[in-house]
Amino acid sequence: HAGEVPRVAREVSGGFRQGLGTLGA
């Protein structure tokens, strides 16, 4: 899954921003 690291990084970053928006820090 080394080739999927960029995709996973984008999903993690997007999920983190969404979590901050809904739950707050």
PDB file of all heavy atoms in Angstrom:
ATOM      1  N   HIS A   1       0.814  -1.220   0.000  1.00  0.00           N
ATOM      2  CA  HIS A   1       0.000   0.000   0.000  1.00  0.00           C
ATOM      3  C   HIS A   1       0.847   1.269   0.000  1.00  0.00           C
ATOM      4  O   HIS A   1       0.344   2.359   0.275  1.00  0.00           O
ATOM      5  CB  HIS A   1      -0.921   0.017   1.219  1.00  0.00           C
ATOM      6  CG  HIS A   1      -2.120  -0.868   1.063  1.00  0.00           C
ATOM      7  ND1 HIS A   1      -2.027  -2.229   1.030  1.00  0.00           N
ATOM      8  CD2 HIS A   1      -3.444  -0.573   0.898  1.00  0.00           C
ATOM      9  CE1 HIS A   1      -3.236  -2.753   0.882  1.00  0.00           C
ATOM     10  NE2 HIS A   1      -4.113  -1.771   0.792  1.00  0.00           N
ATOM     11  N   ALA A   2       2.138   1.100  -0.316  1.00  0.00           N
ATOM     12  CA  ALA A   2       3.015   2.277  -0.334  1.00  0.00           C
ATOM     13  C   ALA A   2       2.539   3.309  -1.353  1.00  0.00           C
ATOM     14  O   ALA A   2       2.627   4.529  -1.120  1.00  0.00           O
ATOM     15  CB  ALA A   2       4.449   1.858  -0.636  1.00  0.00           C
ATOM     16  N   GLY A   3       2.016   2.832  -2.479  1.00  0.00           N
ATOM     17  CA  GLY A   3       1.542   3.756  -3.504  1.00  0.00           C
ATOM     18  C   GLY A   3       0.289   4.519  -3.105  1.00  0.00           C
ATOM     19  O   GLY A   3      -0.064   5.521  -3.753  1.00  0.00           O
ATOM     20  N   GLU A   4      -0.412   4.056  -2.073  1.00  0.00           N
ATOM     21  CA  GLU A   4      -1.645   4.718  -1.654  1.00  0.00           C
ATOM     22  C   GLU A   4      -1.429   5.718  -0.526  1.00  0.00           C
ATOM     23  O   GLU A   4      -2.392   6.287  -0.012  1.00  0.00           O
ATOM     24  CB  GLU A   4      -2.668   3.666  -1.198  1.00  0.00           C
ATOM     25  CG  GLU A   4      -3.063   2.693  -2.302  1.00  0.00           C
ATOM     26  CD  GLU A   4      -4.149   1.735  -1.838  1.00  0.00           C
ATOM     27  OE1 GLU A   4      -4.942   2.121  -0.965  1.00  0.00           O
ATOM     28  OE2 GLU A   4      -4.186   0.600  -2.341  1.00  0.00           O
ATOM     29  N   VAL A   5      -0.165   5.905  -0.152  1.00  0.00           N
ATOM     30  CA  VAL A   5       0.114   6.836   0.948  1.00  0.00           C
ATOM     31  C   VAL A   5      -0.401   8.242   0.645  1.00  0.00           C
ATOM     32  O   VAL A   5      -1.013   8.887   1.513  1.00  0.00           O
ATOM     33  CB  VAL A   5       1.624   6.844   1.269  1.00  0.00           C
ATOM     34  CG1 VAL A   5       1.967   7.989   2.236  1.00  0.00           C
ATOM     35  CG2 VAL A   5       2.039   5.510   1.869  1.00  0.00           C
ATOM     36  N   PRO A   6      -0.197   8.787  -0.585  1.00  0.00           N
ATOM     37  CA  PRO A   6      -0.741  10.132  -0.863  1.00  0.00           C
ATOM     38  C   PRO A   6      -2.267  10.197  -0.677  1.00  0.00           C
ATOM     39  O   PRO A   6      -2.792  11.165  -0.118  1.00  0.00           O
ATOM     40  CB  PRO A   6      -0.337  10.395  -2.315  1.00  0.00           C
ATOM     41  CG  PRO A   6       0.883   9.540  -2.508  1.00  0.00           C
ATOM     42  CD  PRO A   6       0.623   8.304  -1.710  1.00  0.00           C
ATOM     43  N   ARG A   7      -2.981   9.168  -1.177  1.00  0.00           N
ATOM     44  CA  ARG A   7      -4.435   9.155  -1.010  1.00  0.00           C
ATOM     45  C   ARG A   7      -4.833   9.129   0.455  1.00  0.00           C
ATOM     46  O   ARG A   7      -5.716   9.880   0.892  1.00  0.00           O
ATOM     47  CB  ARG A   7      -5.033   7.934  -1.722  1.00  0.00           C
ATOM     48  CG  ARG A   7      -6.534   7.753  -1.461  1.00  0.00           C
ATOM     49  CD  ARG A   7      -7.050   6.427  -1.986  1.00  0.00           C
ATOM     50  NE  ARG A   7      -6.427   5.275  -1.345  1.00  0.00           N
ATOM     51  CZ  ARG A   7      -6.774   4.825  -0.139  1.00  0.00           C
ATOM     52  NH1 ARG A   7      -7.720   5.433   0.583  1.00  0.00           N
ATOM     53  NH2 ARG A   7      -6.165   3.769   0.363  1.00  0.00           N
ATOM     54  N   VAL A   8      -4.171   8.265   1.211  1.00  0.00           N
ATOM     55  CA  VAL A   8      -4.491   8.150   2.633  1.00  0.00           C
ATOM     56  C   VAL A   8      -4.171   9.453   3.349  1.00  0.00           C
ATOM     57  O   VAL A   8      -4.925   9.894   4.231  1.00  0.00           O
ATOM     58  CB  VAL A   8      -3.716   6.972   3.261  1.00  0.00           C
ATOM     59  CG1 VAL A   8      -3.909   6.948   4.775  1.00  0.00           C
ATOM     60  CG2 VAL A   8      -4.163   5.650   2.647  1.00  0.00           C
ATOM     61  N   ALA A   9      -3.064  10.099   2.951  1.00  0.00           N
ATOM     62  CA  ALA A   9      -2.691  11.373   3.577  1.00  0.00           C
ATOM     63  C   ALA A   9      -3.768  12.422   3.333  1.00  0.00           C
ATOM     64  O   ALA A   9      -4.113  13.202   4.241  1.00  0.00           O
ATOM     65  CB  ALA A   9      -1.346  11.847   3.049  1.00  0.00           C
ATOM     66  N   ARG A  10      -4.307  12.441   2.102  1.00  0.00           N
ATOM     67  CA  ARG A  10      -5.377  13.402   1.799  1.00  0.00           C
ATOM     68  C   ARG A  10      -6.628  13.096   2.620  1.00  0.00           C
ATOM     69  O   ARG A  10      -7.293  14.001   3.136  1.00  0.00           O
ATOM     70  CB  ARG A  10      -5.692  13.383   0.301  1.00  0.00           C
ATOM     71  CG  ARG A  10      -4.622  14.007  -0.576  1.00  0.00           C
ATOM     72  CD  ARG A  10      -5.139  14.234  -1.993  1.00  0.00           C
ATOM     73  NE  ARG A  10      -5.528  12.974  -2.637  1.00  0.00           N
ATOM     74  CZ  ARG A  10      -4.692  12.199  -3.326  1.00  0.00           C
ATOM     75  NH1 ARG A  10      -3.417  12.550  -3.444  1.00  0.00           N
ATOM     76  NH2 ARG A  10      -5.124  11.094  -3.904  1.00  0.00           N
ATOM     77  N   GLU A  11      -6.963  11.794   2.758  1.00  0.00           N
ATOM     78  CA  GLU A  11      -8.149  11.412   3.533  1.00  0.00           C
ATOM     79  C   GLU A  11      -7.983  11.765   5.014  1.00  0.00           C
ATOM     80  O   GLU A  11      -8.929  12.229   5.661  1.00  0.00           O
ATOM     81  CB  GLU A  11      -8.410   9.913   3.378  1.00  0.00           C
ATOM     82  CG  GLU A  11      -8.883   9.514   1.988  1.00  0.00           C
ATOM     83  CD  GLU A  11      -9.112   8.012   1.878  1.00  0.00           C
ATOM     84  OE1 GLU A  11      -8.823   7.300   2.864  1.00  0.00           O
ATOM     85  OE2 GLU A  11      -9.578   7.560   0.814  1.00  0.00           O
ATOM     86  N   VAL A  12      -6.784  11.541   5.532  1.00  0.00           N
ATOM     87  CA  VAL A  12      -6.530  11.867   6.938  1.00  0.00           C
ATOM     88  C   VAL A  12      -6.637  13.370   7.151  1.00  0.00           C
ATOM     89  O   VAL A  12      -7.252  13.841   8.124  1.00  0.00           O
ATOM     90  CB  VAL A  12      -5.136  11.349   7.370  1.00  0.00           C
ATOM     91  CG1 VAL A  12      -4.741  11.921   8.729  1.00  0.00           C
ATOM     92  CG2 VAL A  12      -5.127   9.830   7.410  1.00  0.00           C
ATOM     93  N   SER A  13      -6.043  14.140   6.245  1.00  0.00           N
ATOM     94  CA  SER A  13      -6.094  15.601   6.374  1.00  0.00           C
ATOM     95  C   SER A  13      -7.528  16.104   6.267  1.00  0.00           C
ATOM     96  O   SER A  13      -7.969  16.955   7.056  1.00  0.00           O
ATOM     97  CB  SER A  13      -5.222  16.237   5.282  1.00  0.00           C
ATOM     98  OG  SER A  13      -5.297  17.637   5.341  1.00  0.00           O
ATOM     99  N   GLY A  14      -8.285  15.568   5.274  1.00  0.00           N
ATOM    100  CA  GLY A  14      -9.671  15.985   5.126  1.00  0.00           C
ATOM    101  C   GLY A  14     -10.522  15.581   6.315  1.00  0.00           C
ATOM    102  O   GLY A  14     -11.362  16.359   6.796  1.00  0.00           O
ATOM    103  N   GLY A  15     -10.328  14.367   6.803  1.00  0.00           N
ATOM    104  CA  GLY A  15     -11.082  13.917   7.967  1.00  0.00           C
ATOM    105  C   GLY A  15     -10.780  14.759   9.198  1.00  0.00           C
ATOM    106  O   GLY A  15     -11.686  15.060   9.995  1.00  0.00           O
ATOM    107  N   PHE A  16      -9.521  15.146   9.352  1.00  0.00           N
ATOM    108  CA  PHE A  16      -9.137  15.959  10.504  1.00  0.00           C
ATOM    109  C   PHE A  16      -9.819  17.332  10.448  1.00  0.00           C
ATOM    110  O   PHE A  16     -10.339  17.818  11.461  1.00  0.00           O
ATOM    111  CB  PHE A  16      -7.617  16.119  10.523  1.00  0.00           C
ATOM    112  CG  PHE A  16      -7.095  16.822  11.738  1.00  0.00           C
ATOM    113  CD1 PHE A  16      -7.049  16.184  12.974  1.00  0.00           C
ATOM    114  CD2 PHE A  16      -6.659  18.142  11.649  1.00  0.00           C
ATOM    115  CE1 PHE A  16      -6.566  16.844  14.095  1.00  0.00           C
ATOM    116  CE2 PHE A  16      -6.181  18.800  12.763  1.00  0.00           C
ATOM    117  CZ  PHE A  16      -6.136  18.151  13.992  1.00  0.00           C
ATOM    118  N   ARG A  17      -9.828  17.938   9.256  1.00  0.00           N
ATOM    119  CA  ARG A  17     -10.494  19.245   9.121  1.00  0.00           C
ATOM    120  C   ARG A  17     -11.993  19.123   9.377  1.00  0.00           C
ATOM    121  O   ARG A  17     -12.595  19.977  10.035  1.00  0.00           O
ATOM    122  CB  ARG A  17     -10.232  19.818   7.721  1.00  0.00           C
ATOM    123  CG  ARG A  17      -8.822  20.335   7.523  1.00  0.00           C
ATOM    124  CD  ARG A  17      -8.742  21.212   6.278  1.00  0.00           C
ATOM    125  NE  ARG A  17      -9.075  20.438   5.082  1.00  0.00           N
ATOM    126  CZ  ARG A  17      -8.172  19.761   4.359  1.00  0.00           C
ATOM    127  NH1 ARG A  17      -6.897  19.782   4.723  1.00  0.00           N
ATOM    128  NH2 ARG A  17      -8.538  19.086   3.290  1.00  0.00           N
ATOM    129  N   GLN A  18     -12.593  18.050   8.846  1.00  0.00           N
ATOM    130  CA  GLN A  18     -14.027  17.853   9.064  1.00  0.00           C
ATOM    131  C   GLN A  18     -14.325  17.621  10.549  1.00  0.00           C
ATOM    132  O   GLN A  18     -15.307  18.123  11.086  1.00  0.00           O
ATOM    133  CB  GLN A  18     -14.514  16.669   8.239  1.00  0.00           C
ATOM    134  CG  GLN A  18     -16.027  16.437   8.345  1.00  0.00           C
ATOM    135  CD  GLN A  18     -16.489  15.265   7.495  1.00  0.00           C
ATOM    136  OE1 GLN A  18     -15.686  14.639   6.814  1.00  0.00           O
ATOM    137  NE2 GLN A  18     -17.782  14.963   7.540  1.00  0.00           N
ATOM    138  N   GLY A  19     -13.471  16.826  11.231  1.00  0.00           N
ATOM    139  CA  GLY A  19     -13.653  16.581  12.661  1.00  0.00           C
ATOM    140  C   GLY A  19     -13.548  17.856  13.468  1.00  0.00           C
ATOM    141  O   GLY A  19     -14.327  18.082  14.412  1.00  0.00           O
ATOM    142  N   LEU A  20     -12.605  18.721  13.099  1.00  0.00           N
ATOM    143  CA  LEU A  20     -12.469  20.001  13.799  1.00  0.00           C
ATOM    144  C   LEU A  20     -13.710  20.862  13.599  1.00  0.00           C
ATOM    145  O   LEU A  20     -14.168  21.560  14.514  1.00  0.00           O
ATOM    146  CB  LEU A  20     -11.232  20.748  13.294  1.00  0.00           C
ATOM    147  CG  LEU A  20      -9.871  20.285  13.807  1.00  0.00           C
ATOM    148  CD1 LEU A  20      -8.752  21.072  13.127  1.00  0.00           C
ATOM    149  CD2 LEU A  20      -9.793  20.475  15.321  1.00  0.00           C
ATOM    150  N   GLY A  21     -14.270  20.777  12.375  1.00  0.00           N
ATOM    151  CA  GLY A  21     -15.446  21.582  12.091  1.00  0.00           C
ATOM    152  C   GLY A  21     -16.682  21.127  12.850  1.00  0.00           C
ATOM    153  O   GLY A  21     -17.513  21.948  13.255  1.00  0.00           O
ATOM    154  N   THR A  22     -16.827  19.813  13.037  1.00  0.00           N
ATOM    155  CA  THR A  22     -18.033  19.291  13.693  1.00  0.00           C
ATOM    156  C   THR A  22     -17.890  19.161  15.210  1.00  0.00           C
ATOM    157  O   THR A  22     -18.842  19.416  15.953  1.00  0.00           O
ATOM    158  CB  THR A  22     -18.390  17.914  13.114  1.00  0.00           C
ATOM    159  OG1 THR A  22     -17.263  17.039  13.244  1.00  0.00           O
ATOM    160  CG2 THR A  22     -18.773  18.036  11.641  1.00  0.00           C
ATOM    161  N   LEU A  23     -16.711  18.757  15.677  1.00  0.00           N
ATOM    162  CA  LEU A  23     -16.524  18.513  17.115  1.00  0.00           C
ATOM    163  C   LEU A  23     -15.733  19.611  17.811  1.00  0.00           C
ATOM    164  O   LEU A  23     -15.824  19.757  19.040  1.00  0.00           O
ATOM    165  CB  LEU A  23     -15.795  17.168  17.337  1.00  0.00           C
ATOM    166  CG  LEU A  23     -16.498  15.908  16.842  1.00  0.00           C
ATOM    167  CD1 LEU A  23     -15.613  14.684  17.063  1.00  0.00           C
ATOM    168  CD2 LEU A  23     -17.829  15.721  17.565  1.00  0.00           C
ATOM    169  N   GLY A  24     -14.967  20.360  17.019  1.00  0.00           N
ATOM    170  CA  GLY A  24     -14.073  21.331  17.636  1.00  0.00           C
ATOM    171  C   GLY A  24     -12.803  20.653  18.124  1.00  0.00           C
ATOM    172  O   GLY A  24     -12.717  19.427  18.216  1.00  0.00           O
ATOM    173  N   ALA A  25     -11.797  21.452  18.443  1.00  0.00           N
ATOM    174  CA  ALA A  25     -10.505  20.909  18.864  1.00  0.00           C
ATOM    175  C   ALA A  25     -10.632  20.088  20.145  1.00  0.00           C
ATOM    176  O   ALA A  25     -10.056  19.004  20.267  1.00  0.00           O
ATOM    177  CB  ALA A  25      -9.499  22.045  19.055  1.00  0.00           C
TER     178      ALA A  25
END
